Amino acid sequence: MAKFKHHVFICINERDESASRPSCSGDGSGRLKSAFKDAVKEAGLKGQVRANELGCLDQCEHGPVVVVYPDAVWYGAVSAKDVEEIVNEHLLHGRPVERLRLADTCLNTESCPHKPMLKRM
């Protein structure tokens, strides 16, 4: 079998409601994997694109979060209605969906406009 052209990783991490950070699965990320698999198949990309669910991607305030590799494009606040656009624009035509794309300044940083201020000890 040939290598996949793209891997789509979907955060389905679930936290207790009392947790200090939100949970991607609380916003419907569980349905995203099925939606991606269906859209990939419909687009004729089965065998070229692999959609996987995984635990925390540490971008909780942006959830549900999806990342596409090898492009390293991170998407935030993704819903099932966005999946077809991501597949058609990004995976088929190589054009990331800018309206969903997370800013590089919000990735792997202690602060961004979406994260609550962390208390310094």
PDB file of N, CA and C in Angstrom:
ATOM      1  N   MET A   1       0.839  -1.185   0.000  1.00  0.00           N
ATOM      2  CA  MET A   1       0.000   0.000   0.000  1.00  0.00           C
ATOM      3  C   MET A   1       0.885   1.250   0.000  1.00  0.00           C
ATOM      4  N   ALA A   2       0.553   2.193  -0.811  1.00  0.00           N
ATOM      5  CA  ALA A   2       1.287   3.456  -0.887  1.00  0.00           C
ATOM      6  C   ALA A   2       1.066   4.284   0.374  1.00  0.00           C
ATOM      7  N   LYS A   3       1.959   5.224   0.604  1.00  0.00           N
ATOM      8  CA  LYS A   3       1.810   6.131   1.742  1.00  0.00           C
ATOM      9  C   LYS A   3       0.577   7.008   1.553  1.00  0.00           C
ATOM     10  N   PHE A   4       0.029   7.455   2.682  1.00  0.00           N
ATOM     11  CA  PHE A   4      -1.067   8.410   2.620  1.00  0.00           C
ATOM     12  C   PHE A   4      -0.504   9.775   2.260  1.00  0.00           C
ATOM     13  N   LYS A   5      -1.242  10.513   1.460  1.00  0.00           N
ATOM     14  CA  LYS A   5      -0.829  11.874   1.102  1.00  0.00           C
ATOM     15  C   LYS A   5      -1.072  12.833   2.271  1.00  0.00           C
ATOM     16  N   HIS A   6      -2.157  12.606   2.993  1.00  0.00           N
ATOM     17  CA  HIS A   6      -2.503  13.436   4.148  1.00  0.00           C
ATOM     18  C   HIS A   6      -3.008  12.571   5.297  1.00  0.00           C
ATOM     19  N   HIS A   7      -2.706  13.023   6.498  1.00  0.00           N
ATOM     20  CA  HIS A   7      -3.312  12.489   7.712  1.00  0.00           C
ATOM     21  C   HIS A   7      -4.120  13.623   8.347  1.00  0.00           C
ATOM     22  N   VAL A   8      -5.347  13.310   8.718  1.00  0.00           N
ATOM     23  CA  VAL A   8      -6.215  14.266   9.393  1.00  0.00           C
ATOM     24  C   VAL A   8      -6.393  13.753  10.820  1.00  0.00           C
ATOM     25  N   PHE A   9      -5.943  14.540  11.783  1.00  0.00           N
ATOM     26  CA  PHE A   9      -6.057  14.165  13.185  1.00  0.00           C
ATOM     27  C   PHE A   9      -7.143  15.009  13.843  1.00  0.00           C
ATOM     28  N   ILE A  10      -8.078  14.333  14.495  1.00  0.00           N
ATOM     29  CA  ILE A  10      -9.236  14.977  15.097  1.00  0.00           C
ATOM     30  C   ILE A  10      -9.184  14.750  16.604  1.00  0.00           C
ATOM     31  N   CYS A  11      -9.131  15.833  17.359  1.00  0.00           N
ATOM     32  CA  CYS A  11      -9.105  15.716  18.816  1.00  0.00           C
ATOM     33  C   CYS A  11     -10.489  15.331  19.320  1.00  0.00           C
ATOM     34  N   ILE A  12     -10.536  14.256  20.107  1.00  0.00           N
ATOM     35  CA  ILE A  12     -11.799  13.850  20.735  1.00  0.00           C
ATOM     36  C   ILE A  12     -11.638  13.785  22.253  1.00  0.00           C
ATOM     37  N   ASN A  13     -10.661  14.522  22.764  1.00  0.00           N
ATOM     38  CA  ASN A  13     -10.399  14.496  24.197  1.00  0.00           C
ATOM     39  C   ASN A  13     -11.636  14.934  24.981  1.00  0.00           C
ATOM     40  N   GLU A  14     -11.889  14.226  26.053  1.00  0.00           N
ATOM     41  CA  GLU A  14     -13.050  14.526  26.892  1.00  0.00           C
ATOM     42  C   GLU A  14     -12.592  14.773  28.324  1.00  0.00           C
ATOM     43  N   ARG A  15     -12.934  15.928  28.828  1.00  0.00           N
ATOM     44  CA  ARG A  15     -12.621  16.293  30.207  1.00  0.00           C
ATOM     45  C   ARG A  15     -13.916  16.425  31.003  1.00  0.00           C
ATOM     46  N   ASP A  16     -13.772  16.323  32.299  1.00  0.00           N
ATOM     47  CA  ASP A  16     -14.890  16.558  33.198  1.00  0.00           C
ATOM     48  C   ASP A  16     -15.319  18.021  33.061  1.00  0.00           C
ATOM     49  N   GLU A  17     -16.591  18.288  33.259  1.00  0.00           N
ATOM     50  CA  GLU A  17     -17.102  19.658  33.132  1.00  0.00           C
ATOM     51  C   GLU A  17     -16.445  20.631  34.106  1.00  0.00           C
ATOM     52  N   SER A  18     -15.911  20.129  35.198  1.00  0.00           N
ATOM     53  CA  SER A  18     -15.283  20.998  36.195  1.00  0.00           C
ATOM     54  C   SER A  18     -13.812  21.291  35.877  1.00  0.00           C
ATOM     55  N   ALA A  19     -13.286  20.746  34.797  1.00  0.00           N
ATOM     56  CA  ALA A  19     -11.877  20.951  34.430  1.00  0.00           C
ATOM     57  C   ALA A  19     -11.615  22.425  34.129  1.00  0.00           C
ATOM     58  N   SER A  20     -10.370  22.820  34.286  1.00  0.00           N
ATOM     59  CA  SER A  20     -10.001  24.222  34.066  1.00  0.00           C
ATOM     60  C   SER A  20      -9.958  24.597  32.584  1.00  0.00           C
ATOM     61  N   ARG A  21      -9.885  23.613  31.711  1.00  0.00           N
ATOM     62  CA  ARG A  21      -9.865  23.869  30.273  1.00  0.00           C
ATOM     63  C   ARG A  21     -11.033  23.147  29.620  1.00  0.00           C
ATOM     64  N   PRO A  22     -11.506  23.651  28.491  1.00  0.00           N
ATOM     65  CA  PRO A  22     -12.633  23.001  27.812  1.00  0.00           C
ATOM     66  C   PRO A  22     -12.242  21.658  27.193  1.00  0.00           C
ATOM     67  N   SER A  23     -13.230  20.950  26.750  1.00  0.00           N
ATOM     68  CA  SER A  23     -13.042  19.633  26.148  1.00  0.00           C
ATOM     69  C   SER A  23     -13.503  19.666  24.702  1.00  0.00           C
ATOM     70  N   CYS A  24     -12.656  19.208  23.787  1.00  0.00           N
ATOM     71  CA  CYS A  24     -13.045  19.194  22.365  1.00  0.00           C
ATOM     72  C   CYS A  24     -14.286  18.345  22.125  1.00  0.00           C
ATOM     73  N   SER A  25     -14.387  17.220  22.797  1.00  0.00           N
ATOM     74  CA  SER A  25     -15.518  16.331  22.534  1.00  0.00           C
ATOM     75  C   SER A  25     -16.840  16.937  22.975  1.00  0.00           C
ATOM     76  N   GLY A  26     -16.797  17.871  23.886  1.00  0.00           N
ATOM     77  CA  GLY A  26     -18.023  18.524  24.331  1.00  0.00           C
ATOM     78  C   GLY A  26     -18.673  19.363  23.253  1.00  0.00           C
ATOM     79  N   ASP A  27     -17.915  19.679  22.212  1.00  0.00           N
ATOM     80  CA  ASP A  27     -18.434  20.487  21.117  1.00  0.00           C
ATOM     81  C   ASP A  27     -18.700  19.666  19.852  1.00  0.00           C
ATOM     82  N   GLY A  28     -18.847  18.361  20.011  1.00  0.00           N
ATOM     83  CA  GLY A  28     -19.228  17.534  18.871  1.00  0.00           C
ATOM     84  C   GLY A  28     -18.102  16.944  18.067  1.00  0.00           C
ATOM     85  N   SER A  29     -16.889  16.894  18.594  1.00  0.00           N
ATOM     86  CA  SER A  29     -15.778  16.364  17.805  1.00  0.00           C
ATOM     87  C   SER A  29     -15.933  14.879  17.522  1.00  0.00           C
ATOM     88  N   GLY A  30     -16.710  14.180  18.335  1.00  0.00           N
ATOM     89  CA  GLY A  30     -16.916  12.759  18.108  1.00  0.00           C
ATOM     90  C   GLY A  30     -17.533  12.451  16.753  1.00  0.00           C
ATOM     91  N   ARG A  31     -18.332  13.336  16.244  1.00  0.00           N
ATOM     92  CA  ARG A  31     -18.977  13.147  14.929  1.00  0.00           C
ATOM     93  C   ARG A  31     -18.040  13.491  13.769  1.00  0.00           C
ATOM     94  N   LEU A  32     -16.964  14.207  14.065  1.00  0.00           N
ATOM     95  CA  LEU A  32     -16.083  14.664  12.993  1.00  0.00           C
ATOM     96  C   LEU A  32     -15.368  13.526  12.279  1.00  0.00           C
ATOM     97  N   LYS A  33     -14.928  12.523  13.002  1.00  0.00           N
ATOM     98  CA  LYS A  33     -14.215  11.418  12.352  1.00  0.00           C
ATOM     99  C   LYS A  33     -15.096  10.761  11.296  1.00  0.00           C
ATOM    100  N   SER A  34     -16.326  10.450  11.654  1.00  0.00           N
ATOM    101  CA  SER A  34     -17.251   9.840  10.684  1.00  0.00           C
ATOM    102  C   SER A  34     -17.491  10.763   9.508  1.00  0.00           C
ATOM    103  N   ALA A  35     -17.653  12.053   9.790  1.00  0.00           N
ATOM    104  CA  ALA A  35     -17.888  13.020   8.715  1.00  0.00           C
ATOM    105  C   ALA A  35     -16.682  13.091   7.782  1.00  0.00           C
ATOM    106  N   PHE A  36     -15.468  13.092   8.340  1.00  0.00           N
ATOM    107  CA  PHE A  36     -14.272  13.116   7.499  1.00  0.00           C
ATOM    108  C   PHE A  36     -14.153  11.846   6.671  1.00  0.00           C
ATOM    109  N   LYS A  37     -14.377  10.703   7.287  1.00  0.00           N
ATOM    110  CA  LYS A  37     -14.284   9.442   6.545  1.00  0.00           C
ATOM    111  C   LYS A  37     -15.267   9.421   5.377  1.00  0.00           C
ATOM    112  N   ASP A  38     -16.501   9.859   5.621  1.00  0.00           N
ATOM    113  CA  ASP A  38     -17.512   9.893   4.559  1.00  0.00           C
ATOM    114  C   ASP A  38     -17.109  10.866   3.453  1.00  0.00           C
ATOM    115  N   ALA A  39     -16.645  12.062   3.833  1.00  0.00           N
ATOM    116  CA  ALA A  39     -16.276  13.077   2.841  1.00  0.00           C
ATOM    117  C   ALA A  39     -15.049  12.658   2.036  1.00  0.00           C
ATOM    118  N   VAL A  40     -14.101  12.024   2.691  1.00  0.00           N
ATOM    119  CA  VAL A  40     -12.896  11.536   1.993  1.00  0.00           C
ATOM    120  C   VAL A  40     -13.297  10.489   0.957  1.00  0.00           C
ATOM    121  N   LYS A  41     -14.164   9.579   1.337  1.00  0.00           N
ATOM    122  CA  LYS A  41     -14.632   8.546   0.410  1.00  0.00           C
ATOM    123  C   LYS A  41     -15.379   9.171  -0.768  1.00  0.00           C
ATOM    124  N   GLU A  42     -16.299  10.104  -0.477  1.00  0.00           N
ATOM    125  CA  GLU A  42     -17.067  10.766  -1.538  1.00  0.00           C
ATOM    126  C   GLU A  42     -16.166  11.530  -2.503  1.00  0.00           C
ATOM    127  N   ALA A  43     -15.063  12.082  -1.995  1.00  0.00           N
ATOM    128  CA  ALA A  43     -14.144  12.860  -2.825  1.00  0.00           C
ATOM    129  C   ALA A  43     -13.190  11.968  -3.617  1.00  0.00           C
ATOM    130  N   GLY A  44     -13.285  10.658  -3.420  1.00  0.00           N
ATOM    131  CA  GLY A  44     -12.404   9.734  -4.134  1.00  0.00           C
ATOM    132  C   GLY A  44     -10.985   9.708  -3.572  1.00  0.00           C
ATOM    133  N   LEU A  45     -10.839  10.061  -2.299  1.00  0.00           N
ATOM    134  CA  LEU A  45      -9.515  10.133  -1.683  1.00  0.00           C
ATOM    135  C   LEU A  45      -9.214   8.966  -0.749  1.00  0.00           C
ATOM    136  N   LYS A  46     -10.091   7.987  -0.713  1.00  0.00           N
ATOM    137  CA  LYS A  46      -9.853   6.827   0.150  1.00  0.00           C
ATOM    138  C   LYS A  46      -8.536   6.171  -0.277  1.00  0.00           C
ATOM    139  N   GLY A  47      -7.689   5.870   0.696  1.00  0.00           N
ATOM    140  CA  GLY A  47      -6.371   5.312   0.411  1.00  0.00           C
ATOM    141  C   GLY A  47      -5.297   6.376   0.269  1.00  0.00           C
ATOM    142  N   GLN A  48      -5.722   7.638   0.099  1.00  0.00           N
ATOM    143  CA  GLN A  48      -4.784   8.754   0.003  1.00  0.00           C
ATOM    144  C   GLN A  48      -4.806   9.629   1.247  1.00  0.00           C
ATOM    145  N   VAL A  49      -5.952   9.615   1.937  1.00  0.00           N
ATOM    146  CA  VAL A  49      -6.144  10.430   3.132  1.00  0.00           C
ATOM    147  C   VAL A  49      -6.619   9.525   4.255  1.00  0.00           C
ATOM    148  N   ARG A  50      -6.008   9.684   5.410  1.00  0.00           N
ATOM    149  CA  ARG A  50      -6.389   8.899   6.582  1.00  0.00           C
ATOM    150  C   ARG A  50      -6.886   9.838   7.674  1.00  0.00           C
ATOM    151  N   ALA A  51      -8.096   9.603   8.160  1.00  0.00           N
ATOM    152  CA  ALA A  51      -8.667  10.392   9.256  1.00  0.00           C
ATOM    153  C   ALA A  51      -8.576   9.577  10.534  1.00  0.00           C
ATOM    154  N   ASN A  52      -7.926  10.145  11.545  1.00  0.00           N
ATOM    155  CA  ASN A  52      -7.739   9.469  12.826  1.00  0.00           C
ATOM    156  C   ASN A  52      -8.220  10.352  13.966  1.00  0.00           C
ATOM    157  N   GLU A  53      -8.796   9.718  14.967  1.00  0.00           N
ATOM    158  CA  GLU A  53      -9.132  10.439  16.190  1.00  0.00           C
ATOM    159  C   GLU A  53      -8.001  10.225  17.184  1.00  0.00           C
ATOM    160  N   LEU A  54      -7.808  11.201  18.051  1.00  0.00           N
ATOM    161  CA  LEU A  54      -6.797  11.065  19.077  1.00  0.00           C
ATOM    162  C   LEU A  54      -7.163  11.917  20.270  1.00  0.00           C
ATOM    163  N   GLY A  55      -6.378  11.779  21.318  1.00  0.00           N
ATOM    164  CA  GLY A  55      -6.602  12.543  22.534  1.00  0.00           C
ATOM    165  C   GLY A  55      -6.149  13.978  22.371  1.00  0.00           C
ATOM    166  N   CYS A  56      -5.846  14.593  23.447  1.00  0.00           N
ATOM    167  CA  CYS A  56      -5.586  16.025  23.498  1.00  0.00           C
ATOM    168  C   CYS A  56      -4.450  16.488  22.584  1.00  0.00           C
ATOM    169  N   LEU A  57      -4.723  17.545  21.837  1.00  0.00           N
ATOM    170  CA  LEU A  57      -3.719  18.218  21.009  1.00  0.00           C
ATOM    171  C   LEU A  57      -3.235  19.500  21.686  1.00  0.00           C
ATOM    172  N   ASP A  58      -3.682  19.728  22.922  1.00  0.00           N
ATOM    173  CA  ASP A  58      -3.297  20.874  23.749  1.00  0.00           C
ATOM    174  C   ASP A  58      -3.673  22.220  23.129  1.00  0.00           C
ATOM    175  N   GLN A  59      -4.776  22.239  22.431  1.00  0.00           N
ATOM    176  CA  GLN A  59      -5.323  23.472  21.859  1.00  0.00           C
ATOM    177  C   GLN A  59      -6.785  23.589  22.274  1.00  0.00           C
ATOM    178  N   CYS A  60      -7.053  23.257  23.529  1.00  0.00           N
ATOM    179  CA  CYS A  60      -8.406  23.084  24.059  1.00  0.00           C
ATOM    180  C   CYS A  60      -9.322  24.281  23.844  1.00  0.00           C
ATOM    181  N   GLU A  61      -8.792  25.468  23.990  1.00  0.00           N
ATOM    182  CA  GLU A  61      -9.615  26.670  23.848  1.00  0.00           C
ATOM    183  C   GLU A  61     -10.074  26.907  22.405  1.00  0.00           C
ATOM    184  N   HIS A  62      -9.519  26.152  21.482  1.00  0.00           N
ATOM    185  CA  HIS A  62      -9.847  26.309  20.063  1.00  0.00           C
ATOM    186  C   HIS A  62     -10.718  25.175  19.530  1.00  0.00           C
ATOM    187  N   GLY A  63     -11.180  24.309  20.408  1.00  0.00           N
ATOM    188  CA  GLY A  63     -11.827  23.085  19.984  1.00  0.00           C
ATOM    189  C   GLY A  63     -13.214  23.248  19.387  1.00  0.00           C
ATOM    190  N   PRO A  64     -13.629  22.224  18.698  1.00  0.00           N
ATOM    191  CA  PRO A  64     -12.896  21.046  18.292  1.00  0.00           C
ATOM    192  C   PRO A  64     -11.760  21.387  17.330  1.00  0.00           C
ATOM    193  N   VAL A  65     -10.642  20.700  17.535  1.00  0.00           N
ATOM    194  CA  VAL A  65      -9.428  20.965  16.770  1.00  0.00           C
ATOM    195  C   VAL A  65      -9.150  19.812  15.807  1.00  0.00           C
ATOM    196  N   VAL A  66      -8.710  20.183  14.607  1.00  0.00           N
ATOM    197  CA  VAL A  66      -8.307  19.229  13.567  1.00  0.00           C
ATOM    198  C   VAL A  66      -6.977  19.716  13.017  1.00  0.00           C
ATOM    199  N   VAL A  67      -6.040  18.793  12.796  1.00  0.00           N
ATOM    200  CA  VAL A  67      -4.766  19.166  12.188  1.00  0.00           C
ATOM    201  C   VAL A  67      -4.519  18.251  10.987  1.00  0.00           C
ATOM    202  N   VAL A  68      -4.038  18.842   9.906  1.00  0.00           N
ATOM    203  CA  VAL A  68      -3.762  18.107   8.671  1.00  0.00           C
ATOM    204  C   VAL A  68      -2.252  18.064   8.454  1.00  0.00           C
ATOM    205  N   TYR A  69      -1.737  16.849   8.367  1.00  0.00           N
ATOM    206  CA  TYR A  69      -0.315  16.648   8.070  1.00  0.00           C
ATOM    207  C   TYR A  69      -0.179  15.943   6.741  1.00  0.00           C
ATOM    208  N   PRO A  70       0.894  16.175   6.006  1.00  0.00           N
ATOM    209  CA  PRO A  70       2.146  16.801   6.422  1.00  0.00           C
ATOM    210  C   PRO A  70       2.142  18.324   6.322  1.00  0.00           C
ATOM    211  N   ASP A  71       1.018  18.927   6.024  1.00  0.00           N
ATOM    212  CA  ASP A  71       0.958  20.373   5.832  1.00  0.00           C
ATOM    213  C   ASP A  71       1.068  21.168   7.129  1.00  0.00           C
ATOM    214  N   ALA A  72       0.834  20.509   8.265  1.00  0.00           N
ATOM    215  CA  ALA A  72       0.844  21.162   9.570  1.00  0.00           C
ATOM    216  C   ALA A  72      -0.120  22.348   9.621  1.00  0.00           C
ATOM    217  N   VAL A  73      -1.303  22.141   9.075  1.00  0.00           N
ATOM    218  CA  VAL A  73      -2.356  23.154   9.110  1.00  0.00           C
ATOM    219  C   VAL A  73      -3.313  22.770  10.228  1.00  0.00           C
ATOM    220  N   TRP A  74      -3.478  23.698  11.166  1.00  0.00           N
ATOM    221  CA  TRP A  74      -4.337  23.497  12.328  1.00  0.00           C
ATOM    222  C   TRP A  74      -5.637  24.271  12.133  1.00  0.00           C
ATOM    223  N   TYR A  75      -6.743  23.577  12.386  1.00  0.00           N
ATOM    224  CA  TYR A  75      -8.060  24.193  12.292  1.00  0.00           C
ATOM    225  C   TYR A  75      -8.725  24.192  13.666  1.00  0.00           C
ATOM    226  N   GLY A  76      -9.460  25.251  13.961  1.00  0.00           N
ATOM    227  CA  GLY A  76     -10.163  25.346  15.228  1.00  0.00           C
ATOM    228  C   GLY A  76     -11.646  25.590  15.041  1.00  0.00           C
ATOM    229  N   ALA A  77     -12.406  25.251  16.063  1.00  0.00           N
ATOM    230  CA  ALA A  77     -13.863  25.395  16.066  1.00  0.00           C
ATOM    231  C   ALA A  77     -14.494  24.697  14.861  1.00  0.00           C
ATOM    232  N   VAL A  78     -13.993  23.514  14.557  1.00  0.00           N
ATOM    233  CA  VAL A  78     -14.475  22.754  13.398  1.00  0.00           C
ATOM    234  C   VAL A  78     -15.764  22.032  13.765  1.00  0.00           C
ATOM    235  N   SER A  79     -16.730  22.117  12.872  1.00  0.00           N
ATOM    236  CA  SER A  79     -17.984  21.384  13.052  1.00  0.00           C
ATOM    237  C   SER A  79     -18.177  20.459  11.853  1.00  0.00           C
ATOM    238  N   ALA A  80     -19.120  19.573  11.974  1.00  0.00           N
ATOM    239  CA  ALA A  80     -19.392  18.622  10.889  1.00  0.00           C
ATOM    240  C   ALA A  80     -19.720  19.346   9.583  1.00  0.00           C
ATOM    241  N   LYS A  81     -20.344  20.521   9.675  1.00  0.00           N
ATOM    242  CA  LYS A  81     -20.689  21.263   8.453  1.00  0.00           C
ATOM    243  C   LYS A  81     -19.453  21.829   7.744  1.00  0.00           C
ATOM    244  N   ASP A  82     -18.300  21.887   8.429  1.00  0.00           N
ATOM    245  CA  ASP A  82     -17.056  22.390   7.832  1.00  0.00           C
ATOM    246  C   ASP A  82     -16.246  21.316   7.122  1.00  0.00           C
ATOM    247  N   VAL A  83     -16.561  20.062   7.381  1.00  0.00           N
ATOM    248  CA  VAL A  83     -15.744  18.952   6.900  1.00  0.00           C
ATOM    249  C   VAL A  83     -15.661  18.907   5.380  1.00  0.00           C
ATOM    250  N   GLU A  84     -16.786  19.019   4.708  1.00  0.00           N
ATOM    251  CA  GLU A  84     -16.788  18.952   3.244  1.00  0.00           C
ATOM    252  C   GLU A  84     -15.901  20.048   2.646  1.00  0.00           C
ATOM    253  N   GLU A  85     -15.946  21.244   3.216  1.00  0.00           N
ATOM    254  CA  GLU A  85     -15.116  22.341   2.722  1.00  0.00           C
ATOM    255  C   GLU A  85     -13.626  22.050   2.926  1.00  0.00           C
ATOM    256  N   ILE A  86     -13.269  21.499   4.084  1.00  0.00           N
ATOM    257  CA  ILE A  86     -11.868  21.155   4.335  1.00  0.00           C
ATOM    258  C   ILE A  86     -11.398  20.086   3.346  1.00  0.00           C
ATOM    259  N   VAL A  87     -12.213  19.080   3.140  1.00  0.00           N
ATOM    260  CA  VAL A  87     -11.844  18.009   2.204  1.00  0.00           C
ATOM    261  C   VAL A  87     -11.736  18.551   0.785  1.00  0.00           C
ATOM    262  N   ASN A  88     -12.738  19.290   0.335  1.00  0.00           N
ATOM    263  CA  ASN A  88     -12.727  19.786  -1.040  1.00  0.00           C
ATOM    264  C   ASN A  88     -11.654  20.833  -1.294  1.00  0.00           C
ATOM    265  N   GLU A  89     -11.537  21.779  -0.397  1.00  0.00           N
ATOM    266  CA  GLU A  89     -10.567  22.858  -0.615  1.00  0.00           C
ATOM    267  C   GLU A  89      -9.140  22.437  -0.284  1.00  0.00           C
ATOM    268  N   HIS A  90      -8.946  21.910   0.902  1.00  0.00           N
ATOM    269  CA  HIS A  90      -7.585  21.609   1.353  1.00  0.00           C
ATOM    270  C   HIS A  90      -7.069  20.283   0.802  1.00  0.00           C
ATOM    271  N   LEU A  91      -7.794  19.218   1.044  1.00  0.00           N
ATOM    272  CA  LEU A  91      -7.281  17.902   0.681  1.00  0.00           C
ATOM    273  C   LEU A  91      -7.312  17.628  -0.813  1.00  0.00           C
ATOM    274  N   LEU A  92      -8.303  18.144  -1.506  1.00  0.00           N
ATOM    275  CA  LEU A  92      -8.379  17.947  -2.958  1.00  0.00           C
ATOM    276  C   LEU A  92      -7.581  18.987  -3.740  1.00  0.00           C
ATOM    277  N   HIS A  93      -7.656  20.247  -3.314  1.00  0.00           N
ATOM    278  CA  HIS A  93      -7.071  21.325  -4.114  1.00  0.00           C
ATOM    279  C   HIS A  93      -5.901  22.052  -3.467  1.00  0.00           C
ATOM    280  N   GLY A  94      -5.492  21.629  -2.270  1.00  0.00           N
ATOM    281  CA  GLY A  94      -4.313  22.216  -1.636  1.00  0.00           C
ATOM    282  C   GLY A  94      -4.473  23.630  -1.126  1.00  0.00           C
ATOM    283  N   ARG A  95      -5.731  24.047  -0.897  1.00  0.00           N
ATOM    284  CA  ARG A  95      -5.993  25.398  -0.398  1.00  0.00           C
ATOM    285  C   ARG A  95      -6.573  25.320   1.006  1.00  0.00           C
ATOM    286  N   PRO A  96      -5.763  25.565   2.028  1.00  0.00           N
ATOM    287  CA  PRO A  96      -6.297  25.528   3.388  1.00  0.00           C
ATOM    288  C   PRO A  96      -7.482  26.485   3.545  1.00  0.00           C
ATOM    289  N   VAL A  97      -8.397  26.119   4.413  1.00  0.00           N
ATOM    290  CA  VAL A  97      -9.590  26.913   4.674  1.00  0.00           C
ATOM    291  C   VAL A  97      -9.212  27.968   5.718  1.00  0.00           C
ATOM    292  N   GLU A  98      -8.929  29.160   5.253  1.00  0.00           N
ATOM    293  CA  GLU A  98      -8.386  30.218   6.113  1.00  0.00           C
ATOM    294  C   GLU A  98      -9.324  30.630   7.239  1.00  0.00           C
ATOM    295  N   ARG A  99     -10.627  30.600   7.020  1.00  0.00           N
ATOM    296  CA  ARG A  99     -11.565  31.036   8.055  1.00  0.00           C
ATOM    297  C   ARG A  99     -11.540  30.120   9.277  1.00  0.00           C
ATOM    298  N   LEU A 100     -11.050  28.906   9.130  1.00  0.00           N
ATOM    299  CA  LEU A 100     -10.973  27.951  10.239  1.00  0.00           C
ATOM    300  C   LEU A 100      -9.552  27.763  10.764  1.00  0.00           C
ATOM    301  N   ARG A 101      -8.602  28.280  10.049  1.00  0.00           N
ATOM    302  CA  ARG A 101      -7.194  28.052  10.368  1.00  0.00           C
ATOM    303  C   ARG A 101      -6.798  28.782  11.655  1.00  0.00           C
ATOM    304  N   LEU A 102      -6.091  28.073  12.519  1.00  0.00           N
ATOM    305  CA  LEU A 102      -5.585  28.690  13.745  1.00  0.00           C
ATOM    306  C   LEU A 102      -4.316  29.464  13.430  1.00  0.00           C
ATOM    307  N   ALA A 103      -4.214  30.634  13.994  1.00  0.00           N
ATOM    308  CA  ALA A 103      -3.021  31.464  13.808  1.00  0.00           C
ATOM    309  C   ALA A 103      -1.822  30.787  14.461  1.00  0.00           C
ATOM    310  N   ASP A 104      -0.678  30.869  13.816  1.00  0.00           N
ATOM    311  CA  ASP A 104       0.542  30.296  14.382  1.00  0.00           C
ATOM    312  C   ASP A 104       0.830  30.854  15.767  1.00  0.00           C
ATOM    313  N   THR A 105       0.431  32.099  16.012  1.00  0.00           N
ATOM    314  CA  THR A 105       0.685  32.725  17.318  1.00  0.00           C
ATOM    315  C   THR A 105      -0.161  32.113  18.434  1.00  0.00           C
ATOM    316  N   CYS A 106      -1.146  31.317  18.078  1.00  0.00           N
ATOM    317  CA  CYS A 106      -1.986  30.668  19.088  1.00  0.00           C
ATOM    318  C   CYS A 106      -1.568  29.227  19.361  1.00  0.00           C
ATOM    319  N   LEU A 107      -0.635  28.703  18.593  1.00  0.00           N
ATOM    320  CA  LEU A 107      -0.215  27.316  18.757  1.00  0.00           C
ATOM    321  C   LEU A 107       0.982  27.211  19.688  1.00  0.00           C
ATOM    322  N   ASN A 108       0.894  26.277  20.618  1.00  0.00           N
ATOM    323  CA  ASN A 108       2.002  25.984  21.533  1.00  0.00           C
ATOM    324  C   ASN A 108       2.550  27.216  22.220  1.00  0.00           C
ATOM    325  N   THR A 109       1.656  28.028  22.704  1.00  0.00           N
ATOM    326  CA  THR A 109       2.035  29.235  23.417  1.00  0.00           C
ATOM    327  C   THR A 109       1.227  29.325  24.714  1.00  0.00           C
ATOM    328  N   GLU A 110       1.790  29.978  25.693  1.00  0.00           N
ATOM    329  CA  GLU A 110       1.079  30.106  26.965  1.00  0.00           C
ATOM    330  C   GLU A 110      -0.094  31.068  26.880  1.00  0.00           C
ATOM    331  N   SER A 111      -0.039  31.998  25.940  1.00  0.00           N
ATOM    332  CA  SER A 111      -1.141  32.948  25.855  1.00  0.00           C
ATOM    333  C   SER A 111      -1.483  33.281  24.413  1.00  0.00           C
ATOM    334  N   CYS A 112      -2.732  33.458  24.192  1.00  0.00           N
ATOM    335  CA  CYS A 112      -3.268  33.945  22.923  1.00  0.00           C
ATOM    336  C   CYS A 112      -4.631  34.531  23.269  1.00  0.00           C
ATOM    337  N   PRO A 113      -5.267  35.227  22.369  1.00  0.00           N
ATOM    338  CA  PRO A 113      -6.554  35.851  22.703  1.00  0.00           C
ATOM    339  C   PRO A 113      -7.637  34.865  23.151  1.00  0.00           C
ATOM    340  N   HIS A 114      -7.454  33.577  22.854  1.00  0.00           N
ATOM    341  CA  HIS A 114      -8.481  32.582  23.162  1.00  0.00           C
ATOM    342  C   HIS A 114      -8.274  31.886  24.490  1.00  0.00           C
ATOM    343  N   LYS A 115      -7.105  32.011  25.081  1.00  0.00           N
ATOM    344  CA  LYS A 115      -6.794  31.320  26.324  1.00  0.00           C
ATOM    345  C   LYS A 115      -6.979  32.257  27.518  1.00  0.00           C
ATOM    346  N   PRO A 116      -7.498  31.713  28.603  1.00  0.00           N
ATOM    347  CA  PRO A 116      -7.598  32.541  29.814  1.00  0.00           C
ATOM    348  C   PRO A 116      -6.201  32.849  30.330  1.00  0.00           C
ATOM    349  N   MET A 117      -6.072  33.958  30.996  1.00  0.00           N
ATOM    350  CA  MET A 117      -4.779  34.323  31.565  1.00  0.00           C
ATOM    351  C   MET A 117      -4.389  33.286  32.612  1.00  0.00           C
ATOM    352  N   LEU A 118      -3.178  32.793  32.512  1.00  0.00           N
ATOM    353  CA  LEU A 118      -2.674  31.839  33.479  1.00  0.00           C
ATOM    354  C   LEU A 118      -2.117  32.575  34.676  1.00  0.00           C
ATOM    355  N   LYS A 119      -2.437  32.117  35.848  1.00  0.00           N
ATOM    356  CA  LYS A 119      -1.919  32.744  37.058  1.00  0.00           C
ATOM    357  C   LYS A 119      -0.446  32.372  37.207  1.00  0.00           C
ATOM    358  N   ARG A 120       0.361  33.358  37.462  1.00  0.00           N
ATOM    359  CA  ARG A 120       1.781  33.139  37.690  1.00  0.00           C
ATOM    360  C   ARG A 120       2.007  32.882  39.169  1.00  0.00           C
ATOM    361  N   MET A 121       2.793  31.903  39.465  1.00  0.00           N
ATOM    362  CA  MET A 121       3.101  31.590  40.870  1.00  0.00           C
ATOM    363  C   MET A 121       4.393  32.253  41.274  1.00  0.00           C
TER     364      MET A 121
END
